[in-house]
Amino acid sequence: MTNKIRFPAFCALLLFSAIPAGAQTSTRELSVALGASQFDASGTGTAPLAAIRVAAPLVGRWMLGEISLSYASLDEQISTSHTRVGVGEAQLQAHLPAARVQHRIFAFRARPYVGLGGGWVHYFNNAAGRSATAPTVSGAVGVRVPLAPPLVLRGEYRLRSWNGGGNSGFVNSAAEFTAGMGYRF
């Protein structure tokens, strides 16, 4: 076999071997997350970030679709006031096989995932020559850990890039670190 066949076969095996765990069932999930966004837009810095997300299974128990709304307040060098930014996006998340973590005091199952998505970034103020609404793309790695039966703890690292306006392409970027609580229903 060539590497062109081995790698896709390995990825397919990994994706289809996902097993159900308490952190990921065939139900929907509503979650709220808080964190920090390290951004490089018209200046660099770290900004507080809040997000609300809804996820539902699309294919079996291993592929989720997620819709997310997030808000950050960027301290850019181009203005004297913070730049308020909102993001609306959809993301596909593929769950990897569950990992069992055991400690002397407790044990739990964790569901790691990878995600790819896209949507729109909107500048609520201080657009400064940029388009007020611009396309964005993102990639994420994260983990869901079940707590009490309907509750899920989430941690995620999401990389984002968005169009800087005009013909400049996707020049703005952010690395988002979030932790949150989800409710399965």
Protein backbone atom coordinates (compact mmCIF):
# COMPACT_ATOMS: atom_id res chain seq x y z
CA MET A 1 0.00 0.00 0.00
CA THR A 2 1.13 3.52 -0.63
CA ASN A 3 1.01 6.32 1.94
CA LYS A 4 -1.84 7.87 -0.05
CA ILE A 5 -4.03 4.90 0.86
CA ARG A 6 -2.70 4.16 4.36
CA PHE A 7 -3.34 7.59 5.87
CA PRO A 8 -7.01 7.89 4.78
CA ALA A 9 -7.61 4.28 5.84
CA PHE A 10 -6.10 5.01 9.26
CA CYS A 11 -8.24 8.17 9.64
CA ALA A 12 -11.40 6.26 8.67
CA LEU A 13 -10.57 3.49 11.15
CA LEU A 14 -9.99 6.06 13.89
CA LEU A 15 -13.25 7.89 13.19
CA PHE A 16 -15.41 4.77 12.90
CA SER A 17 -13.96 3.19 16.04
CA ALA A 18 -15.42 5.87 18.32
CA ILE A 19 -17.38 4.27 21.15
CA PRO A 20 -20.26 5.83 23.07
CA ALA A 21 -19.52 7.38 26.44
CA GLY A 22 -21.50 9.39 28.94
CA ALA A 23 -20.03 12.67 27.68
CA GLN A 24 -21.43 12.09 24.18
CA THR A 25 -24.80 10.54 23.61
CA SER A 26 -27.33 10.85 20.83
CA THR A 27 -28.90 13.89 22.53
CA ARG A 28 -28.33 17.59 22.03
CA GLU A 29 -26.11 19.76 24.19
CA LEU A 30 -26.35 23.42 25.18
CA SER A 31 -23.17 24.87 26.66
CA VAL A 32 -21.77 28.15 27.90
CA ALA A 33 -18.03 28.80 27.80
CA LEU A 34 -15.70 31.51 29.08
CA GLY A 35 -12.07 32.03 28.22
CA ALA A 36 -9.45 34.17 26.56
CA SER A 37 -8.76 35.09 22.96
CA GLN A 38 -5.17 35.85 21.98
CA PHE A 39 -5.72 37.95 18.86
CA ASP A 40 -3.74 39.55 16.06
CA ALA A 41 -6.08 41.97 14.31
CA SER A 42 -5.18 45.69 14.20
CA GLY A 43 -2.80 45.13 17.05
CA THR A 44 -2.22 42.15 19.30
CA GLY A 45 -3.34 41.21 22.79
CA THR A 46 -5.49 38.97 24.94
CA ALA A 47 -9.22 39.60 25.33
CA PRO A 48 -11.98 38.03 27.42
CA LEU A 49 -14.28 35.73 25.45
CA ALA A 50 -17.77 34.32 26.09
CA ALA A 51 -19.61 31.76 23.94
CA ILE A 52 -22.91 29.92 23.85
CA ARG A 53 -22.97 26.72 21.79
CA VAL A 54 -25.56 24.16 20.72
CA ALA A 55 -24.45 20.75 19.43
CA ALA A 56 -26.38 17.80 17.99
CA PRO A 57 -25.35 14.49 16.42
CA LEU A 58 -25.25 14.39 12.62
CA VAL A 59 -23.79 10.95 11.90
CA GLY A 60 -24.08 8.31 14.60
CA ARG A 61 -22.43 9.23 17.86
CA TRP A 62 -19.12 10.32 16.43
CA MET A 63 -19.96 13.35 14.24
CA LEU A 64 -21.57 16.43 15.78
CA GLY A 65 -22.77 19.66 14.25
CA GLU A 66 -22.31 22.72 16.45
CA ILE A 67 -23.68 26.25 16.15
CA SER A 68 -21.84 28.85 18.18
CA LEU A 69 -22.25 32.53 19.05
CA SER A 70 -19.31 34.21 20.76
CA TYR A 71 -18.34 37.70 21.89
CA ALA A 72 -14.94 39.27 22.60
CA SER A 73 -13.78 42.76 23.49
CA LEU A 74 -10.46 43.42 21.70
CA ASP A 75 -8.07 46.14 22.88
CA GLU A 76 -6.71 47.18 19.48
CA GLN A 77 -4.04 49.85 18.98
CA ILE A 78 -6.13 51.62 16.29
CA SER A 79 -8.71 52.95 18.75
CA THR A 80 -9.04 54.40 22.22
CA SER A 81 -12.01 52.16 23.07
CA HIS A 82 -12.25 48.38 22.99
CA THR A 83 -13.38 46.82 19.72
CA ARG A 84 -16.44 44.62 20.34
CA VAL A 85 -16.56 41.57 18.07
CA GLY A 86 -19.19 38.87 17.65
CA VAL A 87 -18.76 35.54 15.86
CA GLY A 88 -21.51 33.32 14.50
CA GLU A 89 -20.35 30.02 13.10
CA ALA A 90 -21.09 26.36 12.48
CA GLN A 91 -18.58 23.58 13.05
CA LEU A 92 -18.36 19.84 12.35
CA GLN A 93 -16.78 17.94 15.24
CA ALA A 94 -15.47 14.38 14.93
CA HIS A 95 -15.14 12.55 18.24
CA LEU A 96 -12.15 10.32 18.73
CA PRO A 97 -12.34 7.09 20.77
CA ALA A 98 -13.09 7.71 24.46
CA ALA A 99 -10.19 7.77 26.89
CA ARG A 100 -10.53 6.51 30.44
CA VAL A 101 -8.63 8.60 32.97
CA GLN A 102 -8.06 7.05 36.36
CA HIS A 103 -6.63 8.62 39.50
CA ARG A 104 -6.40 7.25 43.03
CA ILE A 105 -9.50 9.20 44.05
CA PHE A 106 -11.63 9.32 40.90
CA ALA A 107 -12.01 7.91 37.41
CA PHE A 108 -13.80 9.38 34.40
CA ARG A 109 -14.19 9.05 30.64
CA ALA A 110 -13.12 11.86 28.36
CA ARG A 111 -14.29 12.36 24.76
CA PRO A 112 -11.66 14.24 22.72
CA TYR A 113 -12.71 15.82 19.42
CA VAL A 114 -11.42 17.79 16.46
CA GLY A 115 -13.52 20.31 14.58
CA LEU A 116 -13.56 22.44 11.43
CA GLY A 117 -15.93 25.27 10.76
CA GLY A 118 -16.74 28.62 9.30
CA GLY A 119 -19.03 31.57 9.71
CA TRP A 120 -18.96 35.32 10.12
CA VAL A 121 -17.15 37.85 12.34
CA HIS A 122 -18.99 41.11 12.98
CA TYR A 123 -17.41 44.32 14.32
CA PHE A 124 -19.99 46.05 16.53
CA ASN A 125 -17.78 49.15 16.64
CA ASN A 126 -14.37 50.40 15.44
CA ALA A 127 -14.46 48.71 12.04
CA ALA A 128 -11.87 51.33 10.95
CA GLY A 129 -12.07 50.78 7.20
CA ARG A 130 -12.66 47.03 7.55
CA SER A 131 -15.86 45.40 6.46
CA ALA A 132 -18.24 45.34 9.45
CA THR A 133 -19.00 41.66 8.71
CA ALA A 134 -16.34 39.30 7.35
CA PRO A 135 -16.03 35.54 6.75
CA THR A 136 -14.10 33.40 9.24
CA VAL A 137 -12.70 29.86 9.29
CA SER A 138 -11.79 27.88 12.39
CA GLY A 139 -10.31 24.63 13.62
CA ALA A 140 -10.64 23.23 17.14
CA VAL A 141 -9.44 20.50 19.45
CA GLY A 142 -11.31 19.86 22.66
CA VAL A 143 -12.61 17.39 25.19
CA ARG A 144 -15.99 16.66 26.79
CA VAL A 145 -16.06 15.05 30.25
CA PRO A 146 -19.34 13.85 31.82
CA LEU A 147 -20.11 15.04 35.34
CA ALA A 148 -23.58 14.41 36.79
CA PRO A 149 -25.90 12.68 34.24
CA PRO A 150 -27.10 15.76 32.31
CA LEU A 151 -23.92 17.88 32.80
CA VAL A 152 -20.77 17.93 30.69
CA LEU A 153 -17.52 19.80 31.33
CA ARG A 154 -15.88 21.14 28.16
CA GLY A 155 -12.42 22.45 27.37
CA GLU A 156 -11.43 23.71 23.93
CA TYR A 157 -8.63 25.34 21.95
CA ARG A 158 -9.94 27.00 18.77
CA LEU A 159 -7.83 28.71 16.10
CA ARG A 160 -9.62 31.31 14.00
CA SER A 161 -8.74 33.45 11.00
CA TRP A 162 -10.91 36.08 9.37
CA ASN A 163 -10.83 38.37 6.39
CA GLY A 164 -9.20 41.73 7.02
CA GLY A 165 -11.32 43.52 4.41
CA GLY A 166 -10.75 44.36 0.78
CA ASN A 167 -8.38 42.01 -1.04
CA SER A 168 -6.13 41.42 1.98
CA GLY A 169 -7.40 37.88 2.61
CA PHE A 170 -7.59 36.10 5.96
CA VAL A 171 -4.98 38.20 7.79
CA ASN A 172 -6.61 38.54 11.22
CA SER A 173 -6.31 35.61 13.62
CA ALA A 174 -7.08 34.49 17.16
CA ALA A 175 -6.31 31.54 19.41
CA GLU A 176 -9.25 30.95 21.75
CA PHE A 177 -8.92 29.00 25.00
CA THR A 178 -12.28 28.22 26.63
CA ALA A 179 -13.74 26.12 29.41
CA GLY A 180 -17.44 25.63 29.92
CA MET A 181 -20.38 23.67 31.20
CA GLY A 182 -22.84 21.86 28.99
CA TYR A 183 -26.34 20.53 29.60
CA ARG A 184 -27.52 17.51 27.59
CA PHE A 185 -31.20 17.33 26.70
